[in-house]
Amino acid sequence: MEESAKKICKAARGIPEGHCVIILAHNGPTGLDSDATFRLLFIGLGSNADDICGIDWIYGGGDHGDPDLARAISDLQRDEQIPIPLVVFGHMHNTLRYGNGLRKMIVVASDNTIYLNGAIVPRVKDSLLADPGSSTEGLTDPRGSAEGHNQLQTSGVSTLRAFTVVEMLDGEVEKIAETWVLVSDSNVEIGQETLLFQKQ
């Protein structure tokens, strides 16, 4: 884990002066450093089943984040003063395996670093529109059950496709939205947008 954290730091150190680092990882960071000696500033990245990296496949939860990523972020921010406005990852699906509800998909830490989980599953769903070319009336709730499965669009079938859209300006996150795009044979339009973050 220590070697992996050093590799992440080495990659981030090459940024030009005046730039920030955006980390894109498969999984998010753990809430503890690799030595488990102190709590990092990842408020809300905890061990409840619905936390952004919380274990939801066994009762009692737990923290499933990566300790090497947590250590690298801590070292870059604390020791090297490298700004990291955004850490994006997936792996931990938005719908919980046990219990009802959805996972917390975004956390803004006390240092203003934003941790964003983009693992919306399924990413593509039938829209169940009465008329595939009509307005967005009649859309099923895209944040509902994950019982469906990812699928390719077929002729005559309207689908909803999930995107997590991040808007940045001058190295700062301005807005984050979970956006569902309605795709039919003749039309592509935003079907639903849920604001996850808006800069104050």
C-alpha atoms as a PDB file:
ATOM      1  CA  MET A   1       0.000   0.000   0.000  1.00  0.00           C
ATOM      2  CA  GLU A   2       2.858   2.370   0.787  1.00  0.00           C
ATOM      3  CA  GLU A   3       4.452   1.764  -2.623  1.00  0.00           C
ATOM      4  CA  SER A   4       1.114   2.298  -4.366  1.00  0.00           C
ATOM      5  CA  ALA A   5       0.549   5.594  -2.489  1.00  0.00           C
ATOM      6  CA  LYS A   6       4.003   6.770  -3.558  1.00  0.00           C
ATOM      7  CA  LYS A   7       3.194   6.012  -7.220  1.00  0.00           C
ATOM      8  CA  ILE A   8      -0.008   8.053  -7.017  1.00  0.00           C
ATOM      9  CA  CYS A   9       1.903  10.962  -5.465  1.00  0.00           C
ATOM     10  CA  LYS A  10       4.634  10.755  -8.092  1.00  0.00           C
ATOM     11  CA  ALA A  11       2.068  10.984 -10.893  1.00  0.00           C
ATOM     12  CA  ALA A  12       0.445  14.036  -9.285  1.00  0.00           C
ATOM     13  CA  ARG A  13       3.702  15.912  -8.686  1.00  0.00           C
ATOM     14  CA  GLY A  14       4.192  16.505 -12.407  1.00  0.00           C
ATOM     15  CA  ILE A  15       1.438  19.101 -12.712  1.00  0.00           C
ATOM     16  CA  PRO A  16       2.397  22.522 -14.089  1.00  0.00           C
ATOM     17  CA  GLU A  17       2.516  25.408 -11.622  1.00  0.00           C
ATOM     18  CA  GLY A  18      -0.882  26.947 -10.970  1.00  0.00           C
ATOM     19  CA  HIS A  19      -2.784  23.784 -11.896  1.00  0.00           C
ATOM     20  CA  CYS A  20      -4.795  21.426  -9.711  1.00  0.00           C
ATOM     21  CA  VAL A  21      -5.071  17.650  -9.617  1.00  0.00           C
ATOM     22  CA  ILE A  22      -8.266  15.752 -10.349  1.00  0.00           C
ATOM     23  CA  ILE A  23      -8.021  12.148  -9.226  1.00  0.00           C
ATOM     24  CA  LEU A  24      -9.903   9.491 -11.195  1.00  0.00           C
ATOM     25  CA  ALA A  25      -9.858   6.128  -9.437  1.00  0.00           C
ATOM     26  CA  HIS A  26     -11.722   2.840  -9.614  1.00  0.00           C
ATOM     27  CA  ASN A  27     -12.660   2.978  -5.935  1.00  0.00           C
ATOM     28  CA  GLY A  28     -12.671   5.815  -3.421  1.00  0.00           C
ATOM     29  CA  PRO A  29     -10.361   6.322  -0.450  1.00  0.00           C
ATOM     30  CA  THR A  30     -10.785   4.739   2.930  1.00  0.00           C
ATOM     31  CA  GLY A  31     -11.585   6.993   5.862  1.00  0.00           C
ATOM     32  CA  LEU A  32      -8.401   5.954   7.663  1.00  0.00           C
ATOM     33  CA  ASP A  33      -4.802   6.314   6.585  1.00  0.00           C
ATOM     34  CA  SER A  34      -2.785   3.177   5.893  1.00  0.00           C
ATOM     35  CA  ASP A  35      -1.434   3.116   9.462  1.00  0.00           C
ATOM     36  CA  ALA A  36      -4.939   3.633  10.904  1.00  0.00           C
ATOM     37  CA  THR A  37      -3.390   6.087  13.373  1.00  0.00           C
ATOM     38  CA  PHE A  38      -5.439   9.178  12.611  1.00  0.00           C
ATOM     39  CA  ARG A  39      -8.704  10.100  10.971  1.00  0.00           C
ATOM     40  CA  LEU A  40      -8.343  11.987   7.716  1.00  0.00           C
ATOM     41  CA  LEU A  41     -10.597  14.885   6.799  1.00  0.00           C
ATOM     42  CA  PHE A  42     -12.950  12.585   4.877  1.00  0.00           C
ATOM     43  CA  ILE A  43     -16.034  13.469   6.845  1.00  0.00           C
ATOM     44  CA  GLY A  44     -18.816  11.179   5.639  1.00  0.00           C
ATOM     45  CA  LEU A  45     -16.609   8.626   3.869  1.00  0.00           C
ATOM     46  CA  GLY A  46     -17.330   6.363   6.795  1.00  0.00           C
ATOM     47  CA  SER A  47     -18.345   2.797   7.423  1.00  0.00           C
ATOM     48  CA  ASN A  48     -22.145   2.875   7.313  1.00  0.00           C
ATOM     49  CA  ALA A  49     -23.691   0.774   4.528  1.00  0.00           C
ATOM     50  CA  ASP A  50     -24.981   3.884   2.749  1.00  0.00           C
ATOM     51  CA  ASP A  51     -21.732   5.860   3.024  1.00  0.00           C
ATOM     52  CA  ILE A  52     -19.943   6.733  -0.187  1.00  0.00           C
ATOM     53  CA  CYS A  53     -17.513   3.795   0.202  1.00  0.00           C
ATOM     54  CA  GLY A  54     -19.480   1.836   2.802  1.00  0.00           C
ATOM     55  CA  ILE A  55     -19.876  -1.928   2.647  1.00  0.00           C
ATOM     56  CA  ASP A  56     -23.491  -2.815   1.844  1.00  0.00           C
ATOM     57  CA  TRP A  57     -23.189  -6.540   1.127  1.00  0.00           C
ATOM     58  CA  ILE A  58     -22.820  -7.629   4.758  1.00  0.00           C
ATOM     59  CA  TYR A  59     -24.837  -6.506   7.759  1.00  0.00           C
ATOM     60  CA  GLY A  60     -23.009  -4.061   9.971  1.00  0.00           C
ATOM     61  CA  GLY A  61     -21.321  -2.200   7.126  1.00  0.00           C
ATOM     62  CA  GLY A  62     -17.646  -1.327   7.050  1.00  0.00           C
ATOM     63  CA  ASP A  63     -15.284   0.908   5.110  1.00  0.00           C
ATOM     64  CA  HIS A  64     -14.383  -0.487   1.669  1.00  0.00           C
ATOM     65  CA  GLY A  65     -12.234   2.437   0.509  1.00  0.00           C
ATOM     66  CA  ASP A  66      -8.639   2.098  -0.659  1.00  0.00           C
ATOM     67  CA  PRO A  67      -6.019   2.983   2.001  1.00  0.00           C
ATOM     68  CA  ASP A  68      -3.301   3.733  -0.579  1.00  0.00           C
ATOM     69  CA  LEU A  69      -5.495   6.368  -2.235  1.00  0.00           C
ATOM     70  CA  ALA A  70      -6.346   7.895   1.148  1.00  0.00           C
ATOM     71  CA  ARG A  71      -2.668   8.078   2.063  1.00  0.00           C
ATOM     72  CA  ALA A  72      -1.728   9.631  -1.292  1.00  0.00           C
ATOM     73  CA  ILE A  73      -4.436  12.296  -1.033  1.00  0.00           C
ATOM     74  CA  SER A  74      -3.369  13.113   2.513  1.00  0.00           C
ATOM     75  CA  ASP A  75       0.313  13.356   1.559  1.00  0.00           C
ATOM     76  CA  LEU A  76      -0.375  15.508  -1.505  1.00  0.00           C
ATOM     77  CA  GLN A  77      -2.626  17.940   0.336  1.00  0.00           C
ATOM     78  CA  ARG A  78      -0.902  18.135   3.696  1.00  0.00           C
ATOM     79  CA  ASP A  79       2.767  17.709   2.887  1.00  0.00           C
ATOM     80  CA  GLU A  80       3.003  19.076  -0.651  1.00  0.00           C
ATOM     81  CA  GLN A  81       0.110  21.555  -0.671  1.00  0.00           C
ATOM     82  CA  ILE A  82      -1.147  20.275  -4.048  1.00  0.00           C
ATOM     83  CA  PRO A  83      -4.776  21.305  -4.561  1.00  0.00           C
ATOM     84  CA  ILE A  84      -7.192  18.425  -5.261  1.00  0.00           C
ATOM     85  CA  PRO A  85     -10.657  19.881  -5.836  1.00  0.00           C
ATOM     86  CA  LEU A  86     -12.184  16.617  -7.090  1.00  0.00           C
ATOM     87  CA  VAL A  87     -11.760  12.878  -6.517  1.00  0.00           C
ATOM     88  CA  VAL A  88     -13.968  10.821  -8.856  1.00  0.00           C
ATOM     89  CA  PHE A  89     -14.503   7.080  -8.563  1.00  0.00           C
ATOM     90  CA  GLY A  90     -17.083   4.337  -8.890  1.00  0.00           C
ATOM     91  CA  HIS A  91     -17.167   0.660  -7.914  1.00  0.00           C
ATOM     92  CA  MET A  92     -19.651   1.113  -5.043  1.00  0.00           C
ATOM     93  CA  HIS A  93     -23.096   1.011  -6.704  1.00  0.00           C
ATOM     94  CA  ASN A  94     -25.664   3.670  -5.842  1.00  0.00           C
ATOM     95  CA  THR A  95     -28.383   1.140  -4.945  1.00  0.00           C
ATOM     96  CA  LEU A  96     -27.735  -0.758  -1.740  1.00  0.00           C
ATOM     97  CA  ARG A  97     -27.702  -4.531  -1.707  1.00  0.00           C
ATOM     98  CA  TYR A  98     -29.228  -4.872   1.761  1.00  0.00           C
ATOM     99  CA  GLY A  99     -31.815  -2.499   3.075  1.00  0.00           C
ATOM    100  CA  ASN A 100     -33.702   0.197   1.297  1.00  0.00           C
ATOM    101  CA  GLY A 101     -32.392   3.426  -0.073  1.00  0.00           C
ATOM    102  CA  LEU A 102     -29.478   4.768  -1.981  1.00  0.00           C
ATOM    103  CA  ARG A 103     -25.834   5.348  -1.283  1.00  0.00           C
ATOM    104  CA  LYS A 104     -24.460   8.815  -0.559  1.00  0.00           C
ATOM    105  CA  MET A 105     -22.827   9.672  -3.892  1.00  0.00           C
ATOM    106  CA  ILE A 106     -21.070  12.905  -2.981  1.00  0.00           C
ATOM    107  CA  VAL A 107     -19.154  14.193   0.019  1.00  0.00           C
ATOM    108  CA  VAL A 108     -17.670  17.659   0.432  1.00  0.00           C
ATOM    109  CA  ALA A 109     -14.824  17.425   2.939  1.00  0.00           C
ATOM    110  CA  SER A 110     -13.916  20.192   5.365  1.00  0.00           C
ATOM    111  CA  ASP A 111     -10.980  21.139   3.092  1.00  0.00           C
ATOM    112  CA  ASN A 112     -13.502  21.580   0.205  1.00  0.00           C
ATOM    113  CA  THR A 113     -12.266  18.533  -1.706  1.00  0.00           C
ATOM    114  CA  ILE A 114     -15.281  16.914  -3.356  1.00  0.00           C
ATOM    115  CA  TYR A 115     -15.514  13.112  -3.399  1.00  0.00           C
ATOM    116  CA  LEU A 116     -17.837  11.922  -6.162  1.00  0.00           C
ATOM    117  CA  ASN A 117     -19.052   8.375  -6.749  1.00  0.00           C
ATOM    118  CA  GLY A 118     -20.352   7.932 -10.303  1.00  0.00           C
ATOM    119  CA  ALA A 119     -21.412   4.255 -10.056  1.00  0.00           C
ATOM    120  CA  ILE A 120     -25.058   4.523 -11.102  1.00  0.00           C
ATOM    121  CA  VAL A 121     -26.335   1.021 -11.892  1.00  0.00           C
ATOM    122  CA  PRO A 122     -27.863   0.267 -14.288  1.00  0.00           C
ATOM    123  CA  ARG A 123     -26.502   3.016 -16.540  1.00  0.00           C
ATOM    124  CA  VAL A 124     -28.992   2.316 -19.342  1.00  0.00           C
ATOM    125  CA  LYS A 125     -32.701   1.563 -18.812  1.00  0.00           C
ATOM    126  CA  ASP A 126     -35.897   1.375 -20.839  1.00  0.00           C
ATOM    127  CA  SER A 127     -37.670   4.704 -20.473  1.00  0.00           C
ATOM    128  CA  LEU A 128     -41.177   3.158 -20.614  1.00  0.00           C
ATOM    129  CA  LEU A 129     -42.536   6.108 -22.552  1.00  0.00           C
ATOM    130  CA  ALA A 130     -45.936   5.754 -24.150  1.00  0.00           C
ATOM    131  CA  ASP A 131     -44.585   7.630 -27.175  1.00  0.00           C
ATOM    132  CA  PRO A 132     -40.796   7.452 -27.635  1.00  0.00           C
ATOM    133  CA  GLY A 133     -40.751  10.879 -29.295  1.00  0.00           C
ATOM    134  CA  SER A 134     -42.884  12.639 -26.673  1.00  0.00           C
ATOM    135  CA  SER A 135     -41.856  14.847 -23.759  1.00  0.00           C
ATOM    136  CA  THR A 136     -40.347  13.422 -20.597  1.00  0.00           C
ATOM    137  CA  GLU A 137     -43.772  12.749 -19.037  1.00  0.00           C
ATOM    138  CA  GLY A 138     -44.119   9.157 -17.955  1.00  0.00           C
ATOM    139  CA  LEU A 139     -40.446   8.521 -17.231  1.00  0.00           C
ATOM    140  CA  THR A 140     -39.808   5.931 -14.603  1.00  0.00           C
ATOM    141  CA  ASP A 141     -37.741   7.162 -11.704  1.00  0.00           C
ATOM    142  CA  PRO A 142     -34.182   6.562 -12.901  1.00  0.00           C
ATOM    143  CA  ARG A 143     -32.893   6.381  -9.329  1.00  0.00           C
ATOM    144  CA  GLY A 144     -35.132   3.398  -8.630  1.00  0.00           C
ATOM    145  CA  SER A 145     -34.382  -0.299  -8.449  1.00  0.00           C
ATOM    146  CA  ALA A 146     -31.248  -1.809  -9.920  1.00  0.00           C
ATOM    147  CA  GLU A 147     -33.208  -4.902 -10.921  1.00  0.00           C
ATOM    148  CA  GLY A 148     -32.835  -3.894 -14.575  1.00  0.00           C
ATOM    149  CA  HIS A 149     -29.711  -4.481 -16.589  1.00  0.00           C
ATOM    150  CA  ASN A 150     -27.473  -2.515 -18.933  1.00  0.00           C
ATOM    151  CA  GLN A 151     -28.599  -2.846 -22.508  1.00  0.00           C
ATOM    152  CA  LEU A 152     -27.940  -1.481 -25.951  1.00  0.00           C
ATOM    153  CA  GLN A 153     -30.567   0.631 -27.671  1.00  0.00           C
ATOM    154  CA  THR A 154     -32.718  -1.268 -30.130  1.00  0.00           C
ATOM    155  CA  SER A 155     -34.878   0.228 -32.850  1.00  0.00           C
ATOM    156  CA  GLY A 156     -38.123   1.689 -31.550  1.00  0.00           C
ATOM    157  CA  VAL A 157     -37.074   1.495 -27.885  1.00  0.00           C
ATOM    158  CA  SER A 158     -36.414   4.678 -25.915  1.00  0.00           C
ATOM    159  CA  THR A 159     -33.741   4.422 -23.261  1.00  0.00           C
ATOM    160  CA  LEU A 160     -32.484   6.519 -20.388  1.00  0.00           C
ATOM    161  CA  ARG A 161     -28.707   6.764 -20.043  1.00  0.00           C
ATOM    162  CA  ALA A 162     -27.005   7.968 -16.876  1.00  0.00           C
ATOM    163  CA  PHE A 163     -24.192  10.508 -16.801  1.00  0.00           C
ATOM    164  CA  THR A 164     -22.597  12.358 -13.915  1.00  0.00           C
ATOM    165  CA  VAL A 165     -21.772  15.813 -15.258  1.00  0.00           C
ATOM    166  CA  VAL A 166     -19.183  18.014 -13.534  1.00  0.00           C
ATOM    167  CA  GLU A 167     -18.720  21.680 -14.455  1.00  0.00           C
ATOM    168  CA  MET A 168     -15.430  23.306 -13.413  1.00  0.00           C
ATOM    169  CA  LEU A 169     -14.035  26.821 -13.740  1.00  0.00           C
ATOM    170  CA  ASP A 170     -10.525  27.983 -12.807  1.00  0.00           C
ATOM    171  CA  GLY A 171      -9.750  24.762 -10.953  1.00  0.00           C
ATOM    172  CA  GLU A 172     -12.918  24.808  -8.847  1.00  0.00           C
ATOM    173  CA  VAL A 173     -16.022  22.670  -9.091  1.00  0.00           C
ATOM    174  CA  GLU A 174     -19.019  24.837  -9.974  1.00  0.00           C
ATOM    175  CA  LYS A 175     -21.766  22.229 -10.366  1.00  0.00           C
ATOM    176  CA  ILE A 176     -22.325  18.472 -10.317  1.00  0.00           C
ATOM    177  CA  ALA A 177     -25.505  16.856 -11.630  1.00  0.00           C
ATOM    178  CA  GLU A 178     -26.751  13.314 -12.098  1.00  0.00           C
ATOM    179  CA  THR A 179     -28.160  13.570 -15.611  1.00  0.00           C
ATOM    180  CA  TRP A 180     -30.369  11.052 -17.361  1.00  0.00           C
ATOM    181  CA  VAL A 181     -30.434  11.450 -21.150  1.00  0.00           C
ATOM    182  CA  LEU A 182     -33.472  10.206 -23.050  1.00  0.00           C
ATOM    183  CA  VAL A 183     -32.427   8.528 -26.314  1.00  0.00           C
ATOM    184  CA  SER A 184     -34.889   7.432 -28.984  1.00  0.00           C
ATOM    185  CA  ASP A 185     -34.602   6.748 -32.705  1.00  0.00           C
ATOM    186  CA  SER A 186     -35.290  10.383 -33.566  1.00  0.00           C
ATOM    187  CA  ASN A 187     -34.415  12.379 -30.478  1.00  0.00           C
ATOM    188  CA  VAL A 188     -31.839  12.916 -27.727  1.00  0.00           C
ATOM    189  CA  GLU A 189     -32.753  15.149 -24.787  1.00  0.00           C
ATOM    190  CA  ILE A 190     -32.229  15.519 -21.069  1.00  0.00           C
ATOM    191  CA  GLY A 191     -34.885  13.421 -19.371  1.00  0.00           C
ATOM    192  CA  GLN A 192     -34.083  14.221 -15.757  1.00  0.00           C
ATOM    193  CA  GLU A 193     -31.368  16.083 -13.877  1.00  0.00           C
ATOM    194  CA  THR A 194     -30.674  15.902 -10.150  1.00  0.00           C
ATOM    195  CA  LEU A 195     -28.364  18.574  -8.725  1.00  0.00           C
ATOM    196  CA  LEU A 196     -25.771  16.994  -6.445  1.00  0.00           C
ATOM    197  CA  PHE A 197     -23.605  20.078  -5.824  1.00  0.00           C
ATOM    198  CA  GLN A 198     -23.770  23.790  -6.586  1.00  0.00           C
ATOM    199  CA  LYS A 199     -20.995  26.205  -5.634  1.00  0.00           C
ATOM    200  CA  GLN A 200     -22.260  28.862  -3.217  1.00  0.00           C
END
